[in-house]
Amino acid sequence: MNYVKARVVGNTKNIYTPVTDGSSVSLAEAEQVNEALGLADVKNKLPAGYIEMYEGENRITIPVHFNSHFLIGPEGAHLNISGISGLASKTSYAMFLMKAIQDQYLHCQPDDSVAFVMLNVKGRDLLAIDEFNDKDDLEKEIFPVYDLLQLEKKPFENVKYFYPYSKDIAPTTYAHTEDVKSQMSLNKAVQYKYVFEDDKESIDLLFANIDDPQETMESIVNYIVTGQGKFNGITEWAELLKTVSEYAQAGNKEVDKNISVLSWRKFYRLLNKSYEKNKSLFANRCCVPQEVQLKKSIQEIQKNDVFVIDVAKLDEETQGFVFGDVMRAIYDLKLGTTDRQEKDIPSKVVIFIDELNKYASKEVPKSSPILRQILDITERGRSLGIILFAAEQFKSDIHDRVKGNCSTHAYGRTNVIEISKPDFQYVPPVYKSMLTRLKQGEYIIQNPVFRSLLNIKFPKPIYKQFKNG
């Protein structure tokens, strides 16, 4: 005799008396599972993965769909993915969803449009997303699931790669030099630079994680950007550093009395550190067509474009600088501060960033311009069509206002310490137990459309994977 304890998640016939002794009980069929979980009448379907239930000859596989209006707007927006690095496949799940979104908007949304901006923060993870994965994996494991979910069996389309500028390529990217040159020859890749005259207003992003309670760094940035004192007429990064160095000298009569020499010295030390590490990135000008300014390129993004911005080999401060600059460029584009007509701009832009904890954790200074930008996007981005897909190891580390404004949460494998945190206090015990045992390719997802948390699976990436990163 089997004993089963069940929780009622739906009641279709309004019968509230207990099941009597001797009543026949059977496993639910696919249609009944869909009904019970609230999956039967989902509108604006977007594949989220699939559910496998039972074993042996009773096994059933059920596609799971989001209502896209609750993932990328207008009803709800933003996705947060958490889980232990390497075991949770956070990037793979985000990429699977973005591939599904691209498919949907290519063929099913004629009056709507979307574009994607992804930051590659680890090795070569996202540097060949328009190429197919290993053939054996495709035919055995990936294509059958894509058929089940009615997705196109091909990688991303309209992809363009942006690599940090370096004359020899290799010093600033983990991509192989011959691969980058091949992409550039096919007009699929460019190198980006930062030119002082056009990018000086983004200098504050280099100091995003510096605790600045007196706002002295902010005052210095404002002093420079507005061209006060000796900073009037400066056109090059090296010239900027030289002038800041002069202001850091004791007894300099040019120094603004409201900003101490010690503050100038701190500013010089931090700015010089970033500049020396990235001299090729901070350039005087763009010389050839395959050298671009990132902000200008972002603001020219077209419908259904996929921009992959490589920052993996840059130091942490410069990674944050690039990420913040990208967010600002997208925000300005959607606010209408460029010359482009609204009808030519993608109605939605999805930004994907891994390691969100670097920029939006509870420990990040409140004055951080990157944190302020992330808060703006999560709180007001939905109405503008700016959608954030973000991932981190531990959800409990993230700023409450950031994760609180995400309509969809995906939980990958994590540890016992994490599930004891307040973020998981309303997660039922059975799911808490599952979270410590999830396999790669499995997630527990939460979305307003679903009546309860769902344990779903998703396919391996359809795009090219590099075994050694």
Foldseek 3Di string as FASTA:
>chain_A
DDDDDDDQQDDDPPDDDDDDPPDDDDDDDQVVVCVSWLQPDQPCWFWQFWDWDDDDPPIDIGTGTHNVCQDQHDVAYAEEEAAAPPWFCQVQSVQVRVQSVLQCQVPPPPPAFEEEEEEDAAACFPVFQQAFADPVQLVPFNVVRCVVVVGDLGGAPQAAEEWADDPQRPLGHNDDPVSQVVCVVVVRYFYEAAWCVVCLLLVLLLCQQPADPVCLLVVVSVCLVVCPFPNNPDGAPVVVLVVLVLLLDPPDPRHDPVHDSVSSVVNSVSSVVLCVQRVRRRDNDADDPRYYHPLVVLLVDFTSHYYYYYRNSHDPSVVSSVVQSSLVSVVCSLVPVDPDDPVGHRQAYEYEDEACLSNFFPSGHPPRSSNVSLLCCLVPVSVSRYHYYYYYHAPNRGDCSNVVSHQKYKQAADDPVRCVDPVNPPPDPVVSVVSNVHGHQWIFMDHPSTSHIDIRGHTGRRTYDDPVD
